[in-house]
Amino acid sequence: MRGAANKSAIGTLVERSTRFTILLHPSDGHDAEHVQQAVIRKMQYLLKLPRNSLTWD
């Protein structure tokens, strides 16, 4: 999701079975590389089972 005038962004990761949702905040920008880094940072803290059933939202 992008904010007003595309100046901010929030990404979401959603686990399919429980609908557990994780919000991502790309810190330095919201292009593909910064979003990828935000996903990597968040995913390293998840257990294997939820990590395997995440969907993109």
PDB file of N, CA and C in Angstrom:
ATOM      1  N   MET A   1       0.854  -1.166   0.000  1.00  0.00           N
ATOM      2  CA  MET A   1       0.000   0.000   0.000  1.00  0.00           C
ATOM      3  C   MET A   1       0.903   1.233   0.000  1.00  0.00           C
ATOM      4  N   ARG A   2       0.520   2.190  -0.750  1.00  0.00           N
ATOM      5  CA  ARG A   2       1.289   3.426  -0.806  1.00  0.00           C
ATOM      6  C   ARG A   2       0.482   4.573  -0.216  1.00  0.00           C
ATOM      7  N   GLY A   3       1.222   5.498   0.403  1.00  0.00           N
ATOM      8  CA  GLY A   3       0.592   6.648   1.026  1.00  0.00           C
ATOM      9  C   GLY A   3       0.336   7.778   0.045  1.00  0.00           C
ATOM     10  N   ALA A   4      -0.070   8.903   0.584  1.00  0.00           N
ATOM     11  CA  ALA A   4      -0.370  10.076  -0.230  1.00  0.00           C
ATOM     12  C   ALA A   4       0.842  10.491  -1.039  1.00  0.00           C
ATOM     13  N   ALA A   5       0.620  10.766  -2.309  1.00  0.00           N
ATOM     14  CA  ALA A   5       1.660  11.200  -3.241  1.00  0.00           C
ATOM     15  C   ALA A   5       2.814  10.205  -3.330  1.00  0.00           C
ATOM     16  N   ASN A   6       2.548   8.940  -3.019  1.00  0.00           N
ATOM     17  CA  ASN A   6       3.560   7.878  -3.070  1.00  0.00           C
ATOM     18  C   ASN A   6       4.795   8.168  -2.233  1.00  0.00           C
ATOM     19  N   LYS A   7       4.646   8.895  -1.139  1.00  0.00           N
ATOM     20  CA  LYS A   7       5.789   9.252  -0.308  1.00  0.00           C
ATOM     21  C   LYS A   7       6.086   8.208   0.767  1.00  0.00           C
ATOM     22  N   SER A   8       5.149   7.326   1.050  1.00  0.00           N
ATOM     23  CA  SER A   8       5.364   6.282   2.047  1.00  0.00           C
ATOM     24  C   SER A   8       4.750   4.984   1.537  1.00  0.00           C
ATOM     25  N   ALA A   9       5.133   3.875   2.180  1.00  0.00           N
ATOM     26  CA  ALA A   9       4.595   2.581   1.768  1.00  0.00           C
ATOM     27  C   ALA A   9       4.605   1.613   2.943  1.00  0.00           C
ATOM     28  N   ILE A  10       3.662   0.695   2.921  1.00  0.00           N
ATOM     29  CA  ILE A  10       3.582  -0.397   3.879  1.00  0.00           C
ATOM     30  C   ILE A  10       3.335  -1.661   3.068  1.00  0.00           C
ATOM     31  N   GLY A  11       4.096  -2.705   3.363  1.00  0.00           N
ATOM     32  CA  GLY A  11       3.885  -4.002   2.729  1.00  0.00           C
ATOM     33  C   GLY A  11       3.258  -4.957   3.725  1.00  0.00           C
ATOM     34  N   THR A  12       2.598  -5.996   3.226  1.00  0.00           N
ATOM     35  CA  THR A  12       1.997  -6.982   4.116  1.00  0.00           C
ATOM     36  C   THR A  12       2.412  -8.383   3.707  1.00  0.00           C
ATOM     37  N   LEU A  13       2.639  -9.230   4.700  1.00  0.00           N
ATOM     38  CA  LEU A  13       2.816 -10.663   4.505  1.00  0.00           C
ATOM     39  C   LEU A  13       1.690 -11.322   5.291  1.00  0.00           C
ATOM     40  N   VAL A  14       0.974 -12.262   4.658  1.00  0.00           N
ATOM     41  CA  VAL A  14      -0.173 -12.896   5.304  1.00  0.00           C
ATOM     42  C   VAL A  14       0.012 -14.410   5.277  1.00  0.00           C
ATOM     43  N   GLU A  15      -0.073 -15.044   6.452  1.00  0.00           N
ATOM     44  CA  GLU A  15       0.014 -16.492   6.551  1.00  0.00           C
ATOM     45  C   GLU A  15      -1.365 -17.049   6.225  1.00  0.00           C
ATOM     46  N   ARG A  16      -1.431 -18.024   5.330  1.00  0.00           N
ATOM     47  CA  ARG A  16      -2.709 -18.477   4.781  1.00  0.00           C
ATOM     48  C   ARG A  16      -3.654 -19.114   5.781  1.00  0.00           C
ATOM     49  N   SER A  17      -3.177 -20.021   6.584  1.00  0.00           N
ATOM     50  CA  SER A  17      -4.107 -20.779   7.420  1.00  0.00           C
ATOM     51  C   SER A  17      -4.630 -19.987   8.614  1.00  0.00           C
ATOM     52  N   THR A  18      -3.808 -19.146   9.229  1.00  0.00           N
ATOM     53  CA  THR A  18      -4.247 -18.397  10.407  1.00  0.00           C
ATOM     54  C   THR A  18      -4.576 -16.945  10.111  1.00  0.00           C
ATOM     55  N   ARG A  19      -4.220 -16.477   8.933  1.00  0.00           N
ATOM     56  CA  ARG A  19      -4.390 -15.074   8.537  1.00  0.00           C
ATOM     57  C   ARG A  19      -3.507 -14.125   9.358  1.00  0.00           C
ATOM     58  N   PHE A  20      -2.486 -14.691   9.986  1.00  0.00           N
ATOM     59  CA  PHE A  20      -1.524 -13.876  10.727  1.00  0.00           C
ATOM     60  C   PHE A  20      -0.880 -12.906   9.741  1.00  0.00           C
ATOM     61  N   THR A  21      -0.893 -11.633  10.059  1.00  0.00           N
ATOM     62  CA  THR A  21      -0.421 -10.597   9.136  1.00  0.00           C
ATOM     63  C   THR A  21       0.774  -9.867   9.726  1.00  0.00           C
ATOM     64  N   ILE A  22       1.760  -9.651   8.883  1.00  0.00           N
ATOM     65  CA  ILE A  22       2.967  -8.922   9.268  1.00  0.00           C
ATOM     66  C   ILE A  22       3.059  -7.692   8.381  1.00  0.00           C
ATOM     67  N   LEU A  23       3.254  -6.551   9.005  1.00  0.00           N
ATOM     68  CA  LEU A  23       3.419  -5.310   8.251  1.00  0.00           C
ATOM     69  C   LEU A  23       4.905  -5.053   8.020  1.00  0.00           C
ATOM     70  N   LEU A  24       5.227  -4.611   6.824  1.00  0.00           N
ATOM     71  CA  LEU A  24       6.601  -4.286   6.457  1.00  0.00           C
ATOM     72  C   LEU A  24       6.715  -2.790   6.239  1.00  0.00           C
ATOM     73  N   HIS A  25       7.804  -2.240   6.684  1.00  0.00           N
ATOM     74  CA  HIS A  25       8.065  -0.828   6.438  1.00  0.00           C
ATOM     75  C   HIS A  25       9.415  -0.707   5.747  1.00  0.00           C
ATOM     76  N   PRO A  26       9.409  -0.562   4.411  1.00  0.00           N
ATOM     77  CA  PRO A  26      10.676  -0.354   3.712  1.00  0.00           C
ATOM     78  C   PRO A  26      11.298   0.959   4.186  1.00  0.00           C
ATOM     79  N   SER A  27      12.468   0.884   4.786  1.00  0.00           N
ATOM     80  CA  SER A  27      13.022   2.035   5.496  1.00  0.00           C
ATOM     81  C   SER A  27      13.557   3.150   4.597  1.00  0.00           C
ATOM     82  N   ASP A  28      14.220   2.810   3.519  1.00  0.00           N
ATOM     83  CA  ASP A  28      14.888   3.849   2.726  1.00  0.00           C
ATOM     84  C   ASP A  28      14.206   4.154   1.409  1.00  0.00           C
ATOM     85  N   GLY A  29      13.138   3.496   1.116  1.00  0.00           N
ATOM     86  CA  GLY A  29      12.435   3.719  -0.143  1.00  0.00           C
ATOM     87  C   GLY A  29      11.449   2.590  -0.351  1.00  0.00           C
ATOM     88  N   HIS A  30      10.647   2.659  -1.388  1.00  0.00           N
ATOM     89  CA  HIS A  30       9.689   1.593  -1.620  1.00  0.00           C
ATOM     90  C   HIS A  30       9.781   1.011  -3.019  1.00  0.00           C
ATOM     91  N   ASP A  31      11.008   0.978  -3.543  1.00  0.00           N
ATOM     92  CA  ASP A  31      11.229   0.264  -4.794  1.00  0.00           C
ATOM     93  C   ASP A  31      11.417  -1.222  -4.479  1.00  0.00           C
ATOM     94  N   ALA A  32      11.560  -2.044  -5.497  1.00  0.00           N
ATOM     95  CA  ALA A  32      11.614  -3.497  -5.316  1.00  0.00           C
ATOM     96  C   ALA A  32      12.752  -3.932  -4.391  1.00  0.00           C
ATOM     97  N   GLU A  33      13.905  -3.339  -4.512  1.00  0.00           N
ATOM     98  CA  GLU A  33      15.047  -3.748  -3.687  1.00  0.00           C
ATOM     99  C   GLU A  33      14.826  -3.454  -2.198  1.00  0.00           C
ATOM    100  N   HIS A  34      14.278  -2.295  -1.886  1.00  0.00           N
ATOM    101  CA  HIS A  34      14.030  -1.948  -0.492  1.00  0.00           C
ATOM    102  C   HIS A  34      12.917  -2.811   0.117  1.00  0.00           C
ATOM    103  N   VAL A  35      11.900  -3.111  -0.678  1.00  0.00           N
ATOM    104  CA  VAL A  35      10.838  -3.995  -0.199  1.00  0.00           C
ATOM    105  C   VAL A  35      11.402  -5.393   0.030  1.00  0.00           C
ATOM    106  N   GLN A  36      12.241  -5.860  -0.873  1.00  0.00           N
ATOM    107  CA  GLN A  36      12.870  -7.170  -0.706  1.00  0.00           C
ATOM    108  C   GLN A  36      13.670  -7.238   0.595  1.00  0.00           C
ATOM    109  N   GLN A  37      14.431  -6.222   0.895  1.00  0.00           N
ATOM    110  CA  GLN A  37      15.212  -6.195   2.126  1.00  0.00           C
ATOM    111  C   GLN A  37      14.311  -6.188   3.364  1.00  0.00           C
ATOM    112  N   ALA A  38      13.193  -5.489   3.295  1.00  0.00           N
ATOM    113  CA  ALA A  38      12.246  -5.476   4.416  1.00  0.00           C
ATOM    114  C   ALA A  38      11.649  -6.866   4.630  1.00  0.00           C
ATOM    115  N   VAL A  39      11.331  -7.571   3.549  1.00  0.00           N
ATOM    116  CA  VAL A  39      10.799  -8.928   3.642  1.00  0.00           C
ATOM    117  C   VAL A  39      11.842  -9.853   4.267  1.00  0.00           C
ATOM    118  N   ILE A  40      13.070  -9.763   3.821  1.00  0.00           N
ATOM    119  CA  ILE A  40      14.138 -10.607   4.358  1.00  0.00           C
ATOM    120  C   ILE A  40      14.324 -10.358   5.848  1.00  0.00           C
ATOM    121  N   ARG A  41      14.318  -9.097   6.256  1.00  0.00           N
ATOM    122  CA  ARG A  41      14.482  -8.779   7.683  1.00  0.00           C
ATOM    123  C   ARG A  41      13.369  -9.401   8.520  1.00  0.00           C
ATOM    124  N   LYS A  42      12.131  -9.303   8.056  1.00  0.00           N
ATOM    125  CA  LYS A  42      11.000  -9.840   8.820  1.00  0.00           C
ATOM    126  C   LYS A  42      10.976 -11.367   8.820  1.00  0.00           C
ATOM    127  N   MET A  43      11.279 -11.983   7.696  1.00  0.00           N
ATOM    128  CA  MET A  43      11.166 -13.428   7.576  1.00  0.00           C
ATOM    129  C   MET A  43      12.194 -14.173   8.408  1.00  0.00           C
ATOM    130  N   GLN A  44      13.294 -13.556   8.725  1.00  0.00           N
ATOM    131  CA  GLN A  44      14.304 -14.269   9.500  1.00  0.00           C
ATOM    132  C   GLN A  44      13.837 -14.565  10.925  1.00  0.00           C
ATOM    133  N   TYR A  45      12.779 -13.906  11.387  1.00  0.00           N
ATOM    134  CA  TYR A  45      12.270 -14.119  12.733  1.00  0.00           C
ATOM    135  C   TYR A  45      11.091 -15.091  12.783  1.00  0.00           C
ATOM    136  N   LEU A  46      10.631 -15.562  11.634  1.00  0.00           N
ATOM    137  CA  LEU A  46       9.484 -16.473  11.600  1.00  0.00           C
ATOM    138  C   LEU A  46       9.924 -17.927  11.730  1.00  0.00           C
ATOM    139  N   LEU A  47       9.061 -18.731  12.319  1.00  0.00           N
ATOM    140  CA  LEU A  47       9.291 -20.169  12.351  1.00  0.00           C
ATOM    141  C   LEU A  47       9.127 -20.736  10.939  1.00  0.00           C
ATOM    142  N   LYS A  48       9.658 -21.940  10.729  1.00  0.00           N
ATOM    143  CA  LYS A  48       9.631 -22.524   9.389  1.00  0.00           C
ATOM    144  C   LYS A  48       8.212 -22.741   8.856  1.00  0.00           C
ATOM    145  N   LEU A  49       7.312 -23.263   9.673  1.00  0.00           N
ATOM    146  CA  LEU A  49       5.960 -23.549   9.191  1.00  0.00           C
ATOM    147  C   LEU A  49       5.242 -22.298   8.672  1.00  0.00           C
ATOM    148  N   PRO A  50       5.160 -21.209   9.436  1.00  0.00           N
ATOM    149  CA  PRO A  50       4.515 -20.015   8.876  1.00  0.00           C
ATOM    150  C   PRO A  50       5.260 -19.460   7.666  1.00  0.00           C
ATOM    151  N   ARG A  51       6.555 -19.604   7.671  1.00  0.00           N
ATOM    152  CA  ARG A  51       7.355 -19.095   6.551  1.00  0.00           C
ATOM    153  C   ARG A  51       7.004 -19.808   5.262  1.00  0.00           C
ATOM    154  N   ASN A  52       6.660 -21.082   5.355  1.00  0.00           N
ATOM    155  CA  ASN A  52       6.352 -21.865   4.161  1.00  0.00           C
ATOM    156  C   ASN A  52       4.947 -21.636   3.622  1.00  0.00           C
ATOM    157  N   SER A  53       4.081 -20.998   4.394  1.00  0.00           N
ATOM    158  CA  SER A  53       2.706 -20.816   3.925  1.00  0.00           C
ATOM    159  C   SER A  53       2.326 -19.338   3.772  1.00  0.00           C
ATOM    160  N   LEU A  54       3.302 -18.467   3.667  1.00  0.00           N
ATOM    161  CA  LEU A  54       3.017 -17.051   3.458  1.00  0.00           C
ATOM    162  C   LEU A  54       2.534 -16.793   2.040  1.00  0.00           C
ATOM    163  N   THR A  55       1.668 -15.814   1.901  1.00  0.00           N
ATOM    164  CA  THR A  55       1.219 -15.393   0.577  1.00  0.00           C
ATOM    165  C   THR A  55       1.511 -13.892   0.427  1.00  0.00           C
ATOM    166  N   TRP A  56       1.630 -13.459  -0.783  1.00  0.00           N
ATOM    167  CA  TRP A  56       1.845 -12.025  -1.053  1.00  0.00           C
ATOM    168  C   TRP A  56       0.501 -11.335  -1.077  1.00  0.00           C
ATOM    169  N   ASP A  57       0.457 -10.156  -0.514  1.00  0.00           N
ATOM    170  CA  ASP A  57      -0.781  -9.390  -0.506  1.00  0.00           C
ATOM    171  C   ASP A  57      -0.503  -8.008  -1.064  1.00  0.00           C
TER     172      ASP A  57
END
